[in-house]
Amino acid sequence: MGLPEVVRVLESYRGREKTLRTLQYGLLFITPAARHSYRATLEAISSQIGGARVILRLLDDLSMLQYSLGVLRQGKGEDRVVRCLDLASIVVDQLFFPMEHLAWARDVKLLRGSSSPLWHASLLLWAASLVFTILRSLRKISLMQQYASELTAEEKEKREEQRDAELLTIIMHAADLLNALNWLPNRPWSKAFPQWQVGVFGLTSSLIGFYKLLTAK
């Protein structure tokens, strides 16, 4: 990856977000292994990067709305299960952003009240969106397998690429889902993940997202 490609990625909004996300979770991953005198600094940097990502997401509402409208227009001929999962994902995504904005506004004292319930609600919405996306990818893979015998060799090769892309999506969102559930006040397991493990899951998801961004046509 040469300098022009790096600049192209960093000049794009998605490229910067993926870069910051990778740095944030990468720092979480290496912090426990760092010397004790450096740990607080690494944690502070990771927290600052996370805060910057929240600020950037204040600008995501219109792009999310445009994406949602695009999905609504493309529903013709699509599998009903995939369609329902797409619609469910759109609904929770549209609720997630204003919920997170309100939580941030309470954190910075623009609004009165505790931000904790709103952050918890945004986590639940994020987790629900991840579950719907994982189920959608599993459904798509199932449909690919059902009609695999009817395809030509060229179509099978293309279908395998699509299947691999869906598998990466499942791994990416499953890693994020583990972190989302771990951060809930009533997580499904008793003991919270250690910091390095949160970093591993987040870094795995971020690197896959980075790869998908770089290979997108």
N, C-alpha and C. Protein backbone atom coordinates (compact mmCIF):
# COMPACT_ATOMS: atom_id res chain seq x y z
N MET A 1 0.85 -1.19 0.00
CA MET A 1 0.00 0.00 0.00
C MET A 1 0.89 1.24 0.00
N GLY A 2 0.89 1.98 -1.12
CA GLY A 2 1.76 3.12 -1.27
C GLY A 2 1.19 4.38 -0.64
N LEU A 3 1.99 5.45 -0.70
CA LEU A 3 1.58 6.73 -0.12
C LEU A 3 0.28 7.26 -0.72
N PRO A 4 0.10 7.20 -2.06
CA PRO A 4 -1.17 7.71 -2.61
C PRO A 4 -2.40 6.98 -2.06
N GLU A 5 -2.28 5.66 -1.88
CA GLU A 5 -3.40 4.90 -1.35
C GLU A 5 -3.68 5.27 0.12
N VAL A 6 -2.59 5.45 0.89
CA VAL A 6 -2.75 5.86 2.29
C VAL A 6 -3.45 7.21 2.38
N VAL A 7 -3.01 8.16 1.55
CA VAL A 7 -3.61 9.49 1.55
C VAL A 7 -5.07 9.41 1.14
N ARG A 8 -5.37 8.57 0.14
CA ARG A 8 -6.76 8.43 -0.32
C ARG A 8 -7.65 7.92 0.81
N VAL A 9 -7.15 6.95 1.57
CA VAL A 9 -7.93 6.41 2.68
C VAL A 9 -8.13 7.47 3.77
N LEU A 10 -7.05 8.16 4.14
CA LEU A 10 -7.13 9.13 5.23
C LEU A 10 -7.94 10.37 4.86
N GLU A 11 -8.07 10.65 3.57
CA GLU A 11 -8.86 11.81 3.15
C GLU A 11 -10.35 11.52 3.12
N SER A 12 -10.71 10.24 3.19
CA SER A 12 -12.13 9.89 3.18
C SER A 12 -12.64 9.76 4.61
N TYR A 13 -13.91 10.05 4.79
CA TYR A 13 -14.51 9.96 6.13
C TYR A 13 -14.43 8.54 6.66
N ARG A 14 -14.84 7.56 5.86
CA ARG A 14 -14.83 6.17 6.31
C ARG A 14 -13.41 5.69 6.58
N GLY A 15 -12.47 6.15 5.75
CA GLY A 15 -11.08 5.76 5.97
C GLY A 15 -10.54 6.28 7.29
N ARG A 16 -10.86 7.51 7.62
CA ARG A 16 -10.41 8.07 8.90
C ARG A 16 -11.07 7.34 10.07
N GLU A 17 -12.36 7.04 9.93
CA GLU A 17 -13.06 6.35 11.02
C GLU A 17 -12.47 4.96 11.25
N LYS A 18 -12.20 4.23 10.16
CA LYS A 18 -11.61 2.90 10.30
C LYS A 18 -10.21 2.98 10.89
N THR A 19 -9.47 4.00 10.50
CA THR A 19 -8.12 4.18 11.04
C THR A 19 -8.17 4.45 12.54
N LEU A 20 -9.04 5.37 12.95
CA LEU A 20 -9.17 5.69 14.37
C LEU A 20 -9.64 4.47 15.17
N ARG A 21 -10.57 3.73 14.61
CA ARG A 21 -11.09 2.54 15.30
C ARG A 21 -9.99 1.50 15.50
N THR A 22 -9.19 1.29 14.45
CA THR A 22 -8.10 0.33 14.54
C THR A 22 -7.08 0.76 15.59
N LEU A 23 -6.77 2.05 15.62
CA LEU A 23 -5.84 2.57 16.62
C LEU A 23 -6.40 2.43 18.03
N GLN A 24 -7.68 2.74 18.19
CA GLN A 24 -8.31 2.67 19.51
C GLN A 24 -8.22 1.26 20.09
N TYR A 25 -8.63 0.26 19.31
CA TYR A 25 -8.62 -1.11 19.82
C TYR A 25 -7.22 -1.70 19.86
N GLY A 26 -6.36 -1.24 18.95
CA GLY A 26 -4.97 -1.69 19.00
C GLY A 26 -4.28 -1.26 20.28
N LEU A 27 -4.57 -0.04 20.72
CA LEU A 27 -4.02 0.45 21.98
C LEU A 27 -4.56 -0.33 23.17
N LEU A 28 -5.87 -0.65 23.13
CA LEU A 28 -6.44 -1.46 24.21
C LEU A 28 -5.78 -2.83 24.28
N PHE A 29 -5.46 -3.37 23.13
CA PHE A 29 -4.85 -4.69 23.07
C PHE A 29 -3.44 -4.70 23.67
N ILE A 30 -2.64 -3.66 23.35
CA ILE A 30 -1.25 -3.67 23.80
C ILE A 30 -1.05 -3.07 25.19
N THR A 31 -2.05 -2.35 25.71
CA THR A 31 -1.89 -1.67 27.00
C THR A 31 -1.50 -2.62 28.13
N PRO A 32 -2.16 -3.79 28.31
CA PRO A 32 -1.78 -4.66 29.42
C PRO A 32 -0.35 -5.17 29.34
N ALA A 33 0.21 -5.22 28.12
CA ALA A 33 1.59 -5.71 27.96
C ALA A 33 2.62 -4.59 28.10
N ALA A 34 2.16 -3.34 28.12
CA ALA A 34 3.09 -2.21 28.21
C ALA A 34 3.62 -2.05 29.63
N ARG A 35 4.69 -1.32 29.74
CA ARG A 35 5.24 -1.02 31.07
C ARG A 35 4.21 -0.24 31.87
N HIS A 36 4.21 -0.46 33.18
CA HIS A 36 3.18 0.12 34.04
C HIS A 36 3.11 1.64 33.92
N SER A 37 4.24 2.29 33.74
CA SER A 37 4.27 3.75 33.67
C SER A 37 3.62 4.29 32.39
N TYR A 38 3.47 3.42 31.37
CA TYR A 38 2.89 3.86 30.10
C TYR A 38 1.40 3.51 29.97
N ARG A 39 0.91 2.65 30.85
CA ARG A 39 -0.46 2.14 30.68
C ARG A 39 -1.51 3.25 30.75
N ALA A 40 -1.38 4.13 31.72
CA ALA A 40 -2.36 5.21 31.86
C ALA A 40 -2.37 6.10 30.61
N THR A 41 -1.19 6.34 30.04
CA THR A 41 -1.11 7.17 28.84
C THR A 41 -1.79 6.50 27.66
N LEU A 42 -1.53 5.20 27.49
CA LEU A 42 -2.15 4.47 26.38
C LEU A 42 -3.67 4.40 26.53
N GLU A 43 -4.12 4.20 27.76
CA GLU A 43 -5.56 4.17 28.01
C GLU A 43 -6.20 5.53 27.72
N ALA A 44 -5.50 6.59 28.10
CA ALA A 44 -6.03 7.94 27.87
C ALA A 44 -6.12 8.23 26.37
N ILE A 45 -5.10 7.82 25.61
CA ILE A 45 -5.12 8.04 24.16
C ILE A 45 -6.25 7.27 23.51
N SER A 46 -6.41 6.00 23.94
CA SER A 46 -7.49 5.18 23.40
C SER A 46 -8.84 5.80 23.70
N SER A 47 -9.01 6.32 24.93
CA SER A 47 -10.26 6.97 25.31
C SER A 47 -10.52 8.22 24.48
N GLN A 48 -9.47 9.00 24.24
CA GLN A 48 -9.61 10.22 23.43
C GLN A 48 -10.01 9.88 22.00
N ILE A 49 -9.42 8.82 21.46
CA ILE A 49 -9.77 8.39 20.10
C ILE A 49 -11.23 7.94 20.05
N GLY A 50 -11.66 7.19 21.09
CA GLY A 50 -13.05 6.78 21.16
C GLY A 50 -13.99 7.97 21.20
N GLY A 51 -13.62 9.00 21.97
CA GLY A 51 -14.41 10.22 22.03
C GLY A 51 -14.48 10.93 20.69
N ALA A 52 -13.36 10.92 19.96
CA ALA A 52 -13.34 11.54 18.64
C ALA A 52 -14.28 10.82 17.68
N ARG A 53 -14.35 9.51 17.80
CA ARG A 53 -15.25 8.73 16.94
C ARG A 53 -16.71 9.05 17.25
N VAL A 54 -17.01 9.25 18.54
CA VAL A 54 -18.38 9.64 18.91
C VAL A 54 -18.72 10.99 18.29
N ILE A 55 -17.78 11.94 18.33
CA ILE A 55 -18.00 13.26 17.73
C ILE A 55 -18.24 13.11 16.23
N LEU A 56 -17.44 12.29 15.56
CA LEU A 56 -17.61 12.09 14.13
C LEU A 56 -18.98 11.52 13.79
N ARG A 57 -19.48 10.65 14.67
CA ARG A 57 -20.79 10.04 14.40
C ARG A 57 -21.94 11.03 14.54
N LEU A 58 -21.69 12.19 15.09
CA LEU A 58 -22.71 13.24 15.12
C LEU A 58 -23.10 13.66 13.70
N LEU A 59 -22.21 13.38 12.75
CA LEU A 59 -22.44 13.77 11.36
C LEU A 59 -22.98 12.62 10.50
N ASP A 60 -23.29 11.48 11.11
CA ASP A 60 -23.67 10.29 10.36
C ASP A 60 -25.17 10.20 10.06
N ASP A 61 -25.97 11.05 10.63
CA ASP A 61 -27.42 10.88 10.52
C ASP A 61 -27.91 10.94 9.07
N LEU A 62 -27.44 11.93 8.32
CA LEU A 62 -27.92 12.07 6.94
C LEU A 62 -27.43 10.93 6.06
N SER A 63 -26.18 10.53 6.25
CA SER A 63 -25.66 9.42 5.43
C SER A 63 -26.39 8.13 5.77
N MET A 64 -26.74 7.93 7.06
CA MET A 64 -27.50 6.75 7.45
C MET A 64 -28.91 6.80 6.86
N LEU A 65 -29.50 7.98 6.83
CA LEU A 65 -30.83 8.13 6.24
C LEU A 65 -30.79 7.83 4.75
N GLN A 66 -29.77 8.33 4.07
CA GLN A 66 -29.63 8.07 2.64
C GLN A 66 -29.46 6.58 2.37
N TYR A 67 -28.63 5.92 3.19
CA TYR A 67 -28.43 4.48 3.04
C TYR A 67 -29.75 3.73 3.25
N SER A 68 -30.50 4.11 4.28
CA SER A 68 -31.75 3.44 4.59
C SER A 68 -32.76 3.60 3.45
N LEU A 69 -32.84 4.79 2.88
CA LEU A 69 -33.75 5.02 1.76
C LEU A 69 -33.34 4.19 0.55
N GLY A 70 -32.01 4.05 0.36
CA GLY A 70 -31.52 3.22 -0.74
C GLY A 70 -31.91 1.77 -0.58
N VAL A 71 -31.80 1.26 0.65
CA VAL A 71 -32.19 -0.13 0.92
C VAL A 71 -33.69 -0.32 0.69
N LEU A 72 -34.48 0.65 1.10
CA LEU A 72 -35.93 0.55 0.92
C LEU A 72 -36.31 0.51 -0.56
N ARG A 73 -35.54 1.20 -1.40
CA ARG A 73 -35.86 1.23 -2.83
C ARG A 73 -35.41 -0.05 -3.55
N GLN A 74 -34.47 -0.80 -2.97
CA GLN A 74 -33.88 -1.94 -3.65
C GLN A 74 -34.53 -3.28 -3.27
N GLY A 75 -35.71 -3.27 -2.71
CA GLY A 75 -36.30 -4.49 -2.16
C GLY A 75 -36.93 -5.43 -3.17
N LYS A 76 -37.08 -5.05 -4.42
CA LYS A 76 -37.78 -5.87 -5.39
C LYS A 76 -37.02 -7.17 -5.67
N GLY A 77 -37.75 -8.29 -5.60
CA GLY A 77 -37.16 -9.58 -5.95
C GLY A 77 -36.25 -10.16 -4.89
N GLU A 78 -36.14 -9.53 -3.76
CA GLU A 78 -35.23 -10.01 -2.72
C GLU A 78 -35.93 -11.05 -1.85
N ASP A 79 -35.16 -11.95 -1.29
CA ASP A 79 -35.69 -12.95 -0.38
C ASP A 79 -36.40 -12.25 0.78
N ARG A 80 -37.55 -12.80 1.19
CA ARG A 80 -38.36 -12.14 2.21
C ARG A 80 -37.65 -12.07 3.56
N VAL A 81 -36.95 -13.15 3.91
CA VAL A 81 -36.24 -13.15 5.19
C VAL A 81 -35.14 -12.09 5.20
N VAL A 82 -34.37 -12.04 4.11
CA VAL A 82 -33.31 -11.03 3.99
C VAL A 82 -33.92 -9.63 4.04
N ARG A 83 -35.06 -9.46 3.38
CA ARG A 83 -35.72 -8.17 3.36
C ARG A 83 -36.16 -7.75 4.76
N CYS A 84 -36.77 -8.67 5.49
CA CYS A 84 -37.22 -8.36 6.86
C CYS A 84 -36.04 -8.01 7.77
N LEU A 85 -34.93 -8.73 7.62
CA LEU A 85 -33.75 -8.45 8.43
C LEU A 85 -33.15 -7.10 8.07
N ASP A 86 -33.18 -6.75 6.78
CA ASP A 86 -32.71 -5.44 6.35
C ASP A 86 -33.55 -4.34 6.99
N LEU A 87 -34.86 -4.51 6.96
CA LEU A 87 -35.76 -3.50 7.52
C LEU A 87 -35.57 -3.36 9.03
N ALA A 88 -35.42 -4.51 9.72
CA ALA A 88 -35.20 -4.47 11.17
C ALA A 88 -33.89 -3.76 11.49
N SER A 89 -32.87 -4.04 10.70
CA SER A 89 -31.57 -3.39 10.92
C SER A 89 -31.66 -1.89 10.70
N ILE A 90 -32.41 -1.49 9.68
CA ILE A 90 -32.58 -0.06 9.40
C ILE A 90 -33.25 0.65 10.57
N VAL A 91 -34.28 0.03 11.11
CA VAL A 91 -35.01 0.64 12.22
C VAL A 91 -34.10 0.88 13.43
N VAL A 92 -33.36 -0.16 13.84
CA VAL A 92 -32.52 0.00 15.03
C VAL A 92 -31.35 0.95 14.76
N ASP A 93 -30.84 0.95 13.52
CA ASP A 93 -29.76 1.88 13.20
C ASP A 93 -30.24 3.33 13.25
N GLN A 94 -31.45 3.57 12.76
CA GLN A 94 -32.00 4.92 12.79
C GLN A 94 -32.26 5.38 14.21
N LEU A 95 -32.55 4.45 15.11
CA LEU A 95 -32.74 4.81 16.52
C LEU A 95 -31.41 4.97 17.26
N PHE A 96 -30.39 4.22 16.81
CA PHE A 96 -29.11 4.24 17.52
C PHE A 96 -28.47 5.62 17.53
N PHE A 97 -28.40 6.26 16.37
CA PHE A 97 -27.66 7.52 16.28
C PHE A 97 -28.24 8.63 17.16
N PRO A 98 -29.55 8.92 17.11
CA PRO A 98 -30.06 9.95 18.03
C PRO A 98 -29.90 9.56 19.49
N MET A 99 -30.00 8.26 19.80
CA MET A 99 -29.82 7.82 21.19
C MET A 99 -28.40 8.12 21.65
N GLU A 100 -27.42 7.82 20.80
CA GLU A 100 -26.02 8.10 21.16
C GLU A 100 -25.78 9.60 21.25
N HIS A 101 -26.39 10.36 20.35
CA HIS A 101 -26.23 11.82 20.39
C HIS A 101 -26.75 12.39 21.72
N LEU A 102 -27.90 11.90 22.15
CA LEU A 102 -28.47 12.37 23.41
C LEU A 102 -27.59 11.99 24.60
N ALA A 103 -27.02 10.77 24.56
CA ALA A 103 -26.12 10.35 25.63
C ALA A 103 -24.89 11.26 25.68
N TRP A 104 -24.33 11.56 24.50
CA TRP A 104 -23.17 12.46 24.44
C TRP A 104 -23.55 13.85 24.95
N ALA A 105 -24.74 14.34 24.58
CA ALA A 105 -25.17 15.67 25.01
C ALA A 105 -25.29 15.74 26.53
N ARG A 106 -25.72 14.66 27.16
CA ARG A 106 -25.78 14.64 28.62
C ARG A 106 -24.39 14.56 29.23
N ASP A 107 -23.50 13.85 28.58
CA ASP A 107 -22.12 13.77 29.08
C ASP A 107 -21.47 15.14 29.14
N VAL A 108 -21.72 15.96 28.12
CA VAL A 108 -21.07 17.27 28.06
C VAL A 108 -21.96 18.37 28.66
N LYS A 109 -23.04 17.95 29.34
CA LYS A 109 -23.92 18.86 30.08
C LYS A 109 -24.74 19.79 29.20
N LEU A 110 -24.92 19.43 27.93
CA LEU A 110 -25.85 20.18 27.10
C LEU A 110 -27.29 19.89 27.51
N LEU A 111 -27.51 18.68 28.01
CA LEU A 111 -28.81 18.27 28.51
C LEU A 111 -28.67 17.78 29.94
N ARG A 112 -29.71 17.95 30.70
CA ARG A 112 -29.68 17.49 32.08
C ARG A 112 -30.00 15.99 32.16
N GLY A 113 -29.51 15.40 33.23
CA GLY A 113 -29.82 14.00 33.48
C GLY A 113 -28.61 13.10 33.30
N SER A 114 -28.78 11.86 33.73
CA SER A 114 -27.71 10.88 33.63
C SER A 114 -27.64 10.32 32.21
N SER A 115 -26.42 10.14 31.73
CA SER A 115 -26.24 9.60 30.38
C SER A 115 -26.22 8.07 30.37
N SER A 116 -26.05 7.44 31.52
CA SER A 116 -25.89 5.98 31.58
C SER A 116 -27.05 5.22 30.94
N PRO A 117 -28.32 5.54 31.25
CA PRO A 117 -29.41 4.80 30.61
C PRO A 117 -29.39 4.93 29.08
N LEU A 118 -29.01 6.10 28.59
CA LEU A 118 -28.98 6.31 27.15
C LEU A 118 -27.84 5.54 26.50
N TRP A 119 -26.68 5.49 27.17
CA TRP A 119 -25.56 4.70 26.64
C TRP A 119 -25.93 3.22 26.63
N HIS A 120 -26.61 2.76 27.67
CA HIS A 120 -27.02 1.36 27.71
C HIS A 120 -28.03 1.05 26.60
N ALA A 121 -28.95 1.99 26.36
CA ALA A 121 -29.93 1.80 25.29
C ALA A 121 -29.25 1.78 23.93
N SER A 122 -28.26 2.65 23.74
CA SER A 122 -27.55 2.66 22.46
C SER A 122 -26.75 1.38 22.25
N LEU A 123 -26.21 0.82 23.35
CA LEU A 123 -25.52 -0.47 23.26
C LEU A 123 -26.46 -1.58 22.84
N LEU A 124 -27.67 -1.59 23.42
CA LEU A 124 -28.66 -2.60 23.05
C LEU A 124 -29.06 -2.47 21.58
N LEU A 125 -29.23 -1.25 21.12
CA LEU A 125 -29.57 -1.03 19.71
C LEU A 125 -28.44 -1.49 18.79
N TRP A 126 -27.20 -1.17 19.19
CA TRP A 126 -26.05 -1.61 18.40
C TRP A 126 -25.99 -3.13 18.36
N ALA A 127 -26.19 -3.77 19.50
CA ALA A 127 -26.16 -5.23 19.56
C ALA A 127 -27.26 -5.83 18.68
N ALA A 128 -28.45 -5.24 18.73
CA ALA A 128 -29.55 -5.74 17.90
C ALA A 128 -29.22 -5.61 16.42
N SER A 129 -28.64 -4.48 16.03
CA SER A 129 -28.24 -4.28 14.64
C SER A 129 -27.22 -5.33 14.20
N LEU A 130 -26.26 -5.63 15.08
CA LEU A 130 -25.25 -6.64 14.76
C LEU A 130 -25.88 -8.01 14.59
N VAL A 131 -26.82 -8.35 15.46
CA VAL A 131 -27.50 -9.65 15.37
C VAL A 131 -28.27 -9.75 14.04
N PHE A 132 -29.00 -8.72 13.68
CA PHE A 132 -29.76 -8.74 12.42
C PHE A 132 -28.82 -8.89 11.22
N THR A 133 -27.68 -8.21 11.26
CA THR A 133 -26.74 -8.29 10.15
C THR A 133 -26.13 -9.68 10.05
N ILE A 134 -25.79 -10.27 11.19
CA ILE A 134 -25.25 -11.64 11.19
C ILE A 134 -26.28 -12.62 10.63
N LEU A 135 -27.53 -12.51 11.07
CA LEU A 135 -28.58 -13.39 10.58
C LEU A 135 -28.80 -13.20 9.08
N ARG A 136 -28.72 -11.97 8.61
CA ARG A 136 -28.87 -11.70 7.18
C ARG A 136 -27.77 -12.37 6.37
N SER A 137 -26.54 -12.29 6.86
CA SER A 137 -25.42 -12.92 6.15
C SER A 137 -25.57 -14.44 6.15
N LEU A 138 -26.01 -15.00 7.29
CA LEU A 138 -26.23 -16.45 7.35
C LEU A 138 -27.32 -16.87 6.37
N ARG A 139 -28.37 -16.08 6.27
CA ARG A 139 -29.45 -16.38 5.32
C ARG A 139 -28.94 -16.32 3.88
N LYS A 140 -28.13 -15.32 3.57
CA LYS A 140 -27.59 -15.20 2.22
C LYS A 140 -26.71 -16.39 1.87
N ILE A 141 -25.88 -16.83 2.81
CA ILE A 141 -25.03 -18.00 2.57
C ILE A 141 -25.88 -19.24 2.34
N SER A 142 -26.95 -19.38 3.12
CA SER A 142 -27.87 -20.51 2.95
C SER A 142 -28.50 -20.51 1.56
N LEU A 143 -28.91 -19.33 1.09
CA LEU A 143 -29.51 -19.23 -0.25
C LEU A 143 -28.49 -19.56 -1.34
N MET A 144 -27.25 -19.12 -1.13
CA MET A 144 -26.20 -19.44 -2.11
C MET A 144 -26.00 -20.93 -2.24
N GLN A 145 -26.02 -21.64 -1.12
CA GLN A 145 -25.82 -23.07 -1.13
C GLN A 145 -26.99 -23.81 -1.78
N GLN A 146 -28.19 -23.28 -1.62
CA GLN A 146 -29.37 -23.93 -2.19
C GLN A 146 -29.33 -23.95 -3.71
N TYR A 147 -28.83 -22.89 -4.31
CA TYR A 147 -28.85 -22.76 -5.77
C TYR A 147 -27.48 -22.97 -6.40
N ALA A 148 -26.52 -23.49 -5.64
CA ALA A 148 -25.16 -23.66 -6.15
C ALA A 148 -25.09 -24.62 -7.33
N SER A 149 -25.91 -25.68 -7.33
CA SER A 149 -25.85 -26.69 -8.39
C SER A 149 -26.34 -26.17 -9.73
N GLU A 150 -27.06 -25.06 -9.75
CA GLU A 150 -27.62 -24.53 -10.99
C GLU A 150 -26.70 -23.52 -11.67
N LEU A 151 -25.54 -23.25 -11.08
CA LEU A 151 -24.67 -22.19 -11.58
C LEU A 151 -23.61 -22.74 -12.52
N THR A 152 -23.13 -21.87 -13.41
CA THR A 152 -21.99 -22.20 -14.26
C THR A 152 -20.71 -22.06 -13.45
N ALA A 153 -19.59 -22.51 -14.03
CA ALA A 153 -18.32 -22.43 -13.32
C ALA A 153 -17.95 -20.99 -12.99
N GLU A 154 -18.20 -20.08 -13.93
CA GLU A 154 -17.90 -18.66 -13.69
C GLU A 154 -18.79 -18.09 -12.60
N GLU A 155 -20.06 -18.46 -12.63
CA GLU A 155 -20.99 -17.97 -11.61
C GLU A 155 -20.65 -18.55 -10.23
N LYS A 156 -20.19 -19.80 -10.21
CA LYS A 156 -19.80 -20.41 -8.93
C LYS A 156 -18.61 -19.68 -8.32
N GLU A 157 -17.66 -19.29 -9.17
CA GLU A 157 -16.49 -18.56 -8.67
C GLU A 157 -16.90 -17.22 -8.07
N LYS A 158 -17.81 -16.54 -8.76
CA LYS A 158 -18.29 -15.26 -8.25
C LYS A 158 -19.07 -15.46 -6.96
N ARG A 159 -19.86 -16.54 -6.91
CA ARG A 159 -20.66 -16.83 -5.73
C ARG A 159 -19.77 -17.16 -4.53
N GLU A 160 -18.66 -17.83 -4.77
CA GLU A 160 -17.72 -18.13 -3.68
C GLU A 160 -17.13 -16.85 -3.10
N GLU A 161 -16.84 -15.89 -3.97
CA GLU A 161 -16.33 -14.60 -3.48
C GLU A 161 -17.39 -13.91 -2.62
N GLN A 162 -18.64 -13.97 -3.05
CA GLN A 162 -19.72 -13.37 -2.27
C GLN A 162 -19.88 -14.08 -0.93
N ARG A 163 -19.75 -15.41 -0.95
CA ARG A 163 -19.86 -16.18 0.30
C ARG A 163 -18.74 -15.82 1.26
N ASP A 164 -17.51 -15.69 0.74
CA ASP A 164 -16.38 -15.31 1.59
C ASP A 164 -16.59 -13.93 2.19
N ALA A 165 -17.17 -13.01 1.41
CA ALA A 165 -17.44 -11.67 1.91
C ALA A 165 -18.47 -11.72 3.05
N GLU A 166 -19.47 -12.57 2.90
CA GLU A 166 -20.48 -12.70 3.95
C GLU A 166 -19.88 -13.35 5.20
N LEU A 167 -18.98 -14.31 5.03
CA LEU A 167 -18.32 -14.93 6.18
C LEU A 167 -17.49 -13.91 6.95
N LEU A 168 -16.79 -13.04 6.21
CA LEU A 168 -16.02 -11.98 6.87
C LEU A 168 -16.94 -11.03 7.63
N THR A 169 -18.09 -10.75 7.04
CA THR A 169 -19.07 -9.89 7.71
C THR A 169 -19.55 -10.52 9.01
N ILE A 170 -19.79 -11.83 8.99
CA ILE A 170 -20.23 -12.53 10.20
C ILE A 170 -19.16 -12.45 11.28
N ILE A 171 -17.90 -12.73 10.91
CA ILE A 171 -16.81 -12.68 11.90
C ILE A 171 -16.66 -11.26 12.46
N MET A 172 -16.71 -10.28 11.57
CA MET A 172 -16.54 -8.88 11.98
C MET A 172 -17.62 -8.46 12.99
N HIS A 173 -18.87 -8.76 12.67
CA HIS A 173 -19.96 -8.34 13.55
C HIS A 173 -20.07 -9.21 14.79
N ALA A 174 -19.67 -10.47 14.69
CA ALA A 174 -19.68 -11.33 15.89
C ALA A 174 -18.67 -10.82 16.92
N ALA A 175 -17.51 -10.36 16.44
CA ALA A 175 -16.51 -9.80 17.35
C ALA A 175 -17.04 -8.54 18.03
N ASP A 176 -17.71 -7.68 17.26
CA ASP A 176 -18.29 -6.47 17.85
C ASP A 176 -19.42 -6.82 18.82
N LEU A 177 -20.20 -7.85 18.48
CA LEU A 177 -21.32 -8.24 19.33
C LEU A 177 -20.83 -8.71 20.70
N LEU A 178 -19.73 -9.44 20.73
CA LEU A 178 -19.17 -9.89 22.01
C LEU A 178 -18.81 -8.69 22.89
N ASN A 179 -18.20 -7.67 22.27
CA ASN A 179 -17.86 -6.47 23.05
C ASN A 179 -19.10 -5.72 23.50
N ALA A 180 -20.09 -5.60 22.60
CA ALA A 180 -21.32 -4.88 22.96
C ALA A 180 -22.01 -5.55 24.15
N LEU A 181 -22.11 -6.87 24.13
CA LEU A 181 -22.75 -7.59 25.23
C LEU A 181 -21.92 -7.48 26.51
N ASN A 182 -20.59 -7.47 26.35
CA ASN A 182 -19.70 -7.37 27.50
C ASN A 182 -19.84 -6.03 28.23
N TRP A 183 -20.16 -4.96 27.47
CA TRP A 183 -20.27 -3.63 28.07
C TRP A 183 -21.64 -3.36 28.69
N LEU A 184 -22.60 -4.25 28.48
CA LEU A 184 -23.92 -4.06 29.07
C LEU A 184 -23.85 -4.23 30.59
N PRO A 185 -24.67 -3.51 31.35
CA PRO A 185 -24.64 -3.67 32.81
C PRO A 185 -25.05 -5.06 33.25
N ASN A 186 -25.96 -5.70 32.49
CA ASN A 186 -26.38 -7.07 32.77
C ASN A 186 -25.91 -7.99 31.65
N ARG A 187 -24.61 -8.17 31.58
CA ARG A 187 -24.04 -8.99 30.50
C ARG A 187 -24.44 -10.46 30.67
N PRO A 188 -24.43 -11.24 29.58
CA PRO A 188 -24.84 -12.65 29.66
C PRO A 188 -23.88 -13.51 30.48
N TRP A 189 -22.67 -13.03 30.72
CA TRP A 189 -21.71 -13.78 31.52
C TRP A 189 -21.34 -12.95 32.76
N SER A 190 -20.80 -13.61 33.76
CA SER A 190 -20.61 -12.97 35.06
C SER A 190 -19.41 -12.01 35.09
N LYS A 191 -18.31 -12.41 34.50
CA LYS A 191 -17.08 -11.64 34.61
C LYS A 191 -16.79 -10.89 33.32
N ALA A 192 -16.48 -9.58 33.44
CA ALA A 192 -16.18 -8.78 32.26
C ALA A 192 -14.89 -9.24 31.59
N PHE A 193 -14.83 -9.06 30.27
CA PHE A 193 -13.61 -9.40 29.55
C PHE A 193 -12.44 -8.55 30.04
N PRO A 194 -11.24 -9.13 30.10
CA PRO A 194 -10.07 -8.29 30.38
C PRO A 194 -9.83 -7.33 29.22
N GLN A 195 -9.10 -6.28 29.49
CA GLN A 195 -8.91 -5.23 28.50
C GLN A 195 -8.30 -5.75 27.19
N TRP A 196 -7.31 -6.64 27.30
CA TRP A 196 -6.67 -7.14 26.09
C TRP A 196 -7.65 -7.91 25.21
N GLN A 197 -8.62 -8.59 25.84
CA GLN A 197 -9.59 -9.37 25.08
C GLN A 197 -10.56 -8.46 24.33
N VAL A 198 -10.97 -7.38 25.00
CA VAL A 198 -11.79 -6.37 24.31
C VAL A 198 -11.02 -5.83 23.11
N GLY A 199 -9.73 -5.60 23.31
CA GLY A 199 -8.89 -5.11 22.22
C GLY A 199 -8.80 -6.09 21.08
N VAL A 200 -8.69 -7.39 21.39
CA VAL A 200 -8.60 -8.43 20.34
C VAL A 200 -9.86 -8.44 19.49
N PHE A 201 -11.04 -8.45 20.16
CA PHE A 201 -12.30 -8.49 19.42
C PHE A 201 -12.47 -7.22 18.57
N GLY A 202 -12.19 -6.07 19.17
CA GLY A 202 -12.34 -4.82 18.44
C GLY A 202 -11.35 -4.70 17.30
N LEU A 203 -10.12 -5.16 17.53
CA LEU A 203 -9.09 -5.08 16.49
C LEU A 203 -9.42 -6.03 15.35
N THR A 204 -9.93 -7.21 15.67
CA THR A 204 -10.34 -8.16 14.63
C THR A 204 -11.40 -7.55 13.73
N SER A 205 -12.42 -6.99 14.36
CA SER A 205 -13.49 -6.35 13.60
C SER A 205 -12.96 -5.17 12.77
N SER A 206 -12.10 -4.37 13.36
CA SER A 206 -11.58 -3.18 12.68
C SER A 206 -10.74 -3.54 11.47
N LEU A 207 -9.89 -4.55 11.61
CA LEU A 207 -9.03 -4.95 10.51
C LEU A 207 -9.83 -5.54 9.35
N ILE A 208 -10.87 -6.30 9.67
CA ILE A 208 -11.74 -6.83 8.62
C ILE A 208 -12.46 -5.68 7.92
N GLY A 209 -12.95 -4.71 8.71
CA GLY A 209 -13.59 -3.54 8.13
C GLY A 209 -12.65 -2.74 7.25
N PHE A 210 -11.40 -2.63 7.68
CA PHE A 210 -10.38 -1.94 6.90
C PHE A 210 -10.13 -2.67 5.59
N TYR A 211 -10.05 -4.00 5.66
CA TYR A 211 -9.83 -4.80 4.47
C TYR A 211 -10.99 -4.64 3.49
N LYS A 212 -12.22 -4.68 3.99
CA LYS A 212 -13.40 -4.53 3.13
C LYS A 212 -13.42 -3.14 2.50
N LEU A 213 -12.97 -2.13 3.25
CA LEU A 213 -12.92 -0.78 2.71
C LEU A 213 -11.90 -0.67 1.57
N LEU A 214 -10.73 -1.27 1.78
CA LEU A 214 -9.67 -1.18 0.78
C LEU A 214 -9.97 -1.98 -0.47
N THR A 215 -10.71 -3.08 -0.32
CA THR A 215 -11.00 -3.94 -1.47
C THR A 215 -12.33 -3.63 -2.14
N ALA A 216 -13.07 -2.66 -1.58
CA ALA A 216 -14.37 -2.31 -2.17
C ALA A 216 -14.17 -1.72 -3.54
N LYS A 217 -14.98 -2.16 -4.48
CA LYS A 217 -14.89 -1.66 -5.87
C LYS A 217 -15.78 -0.46 -6.03
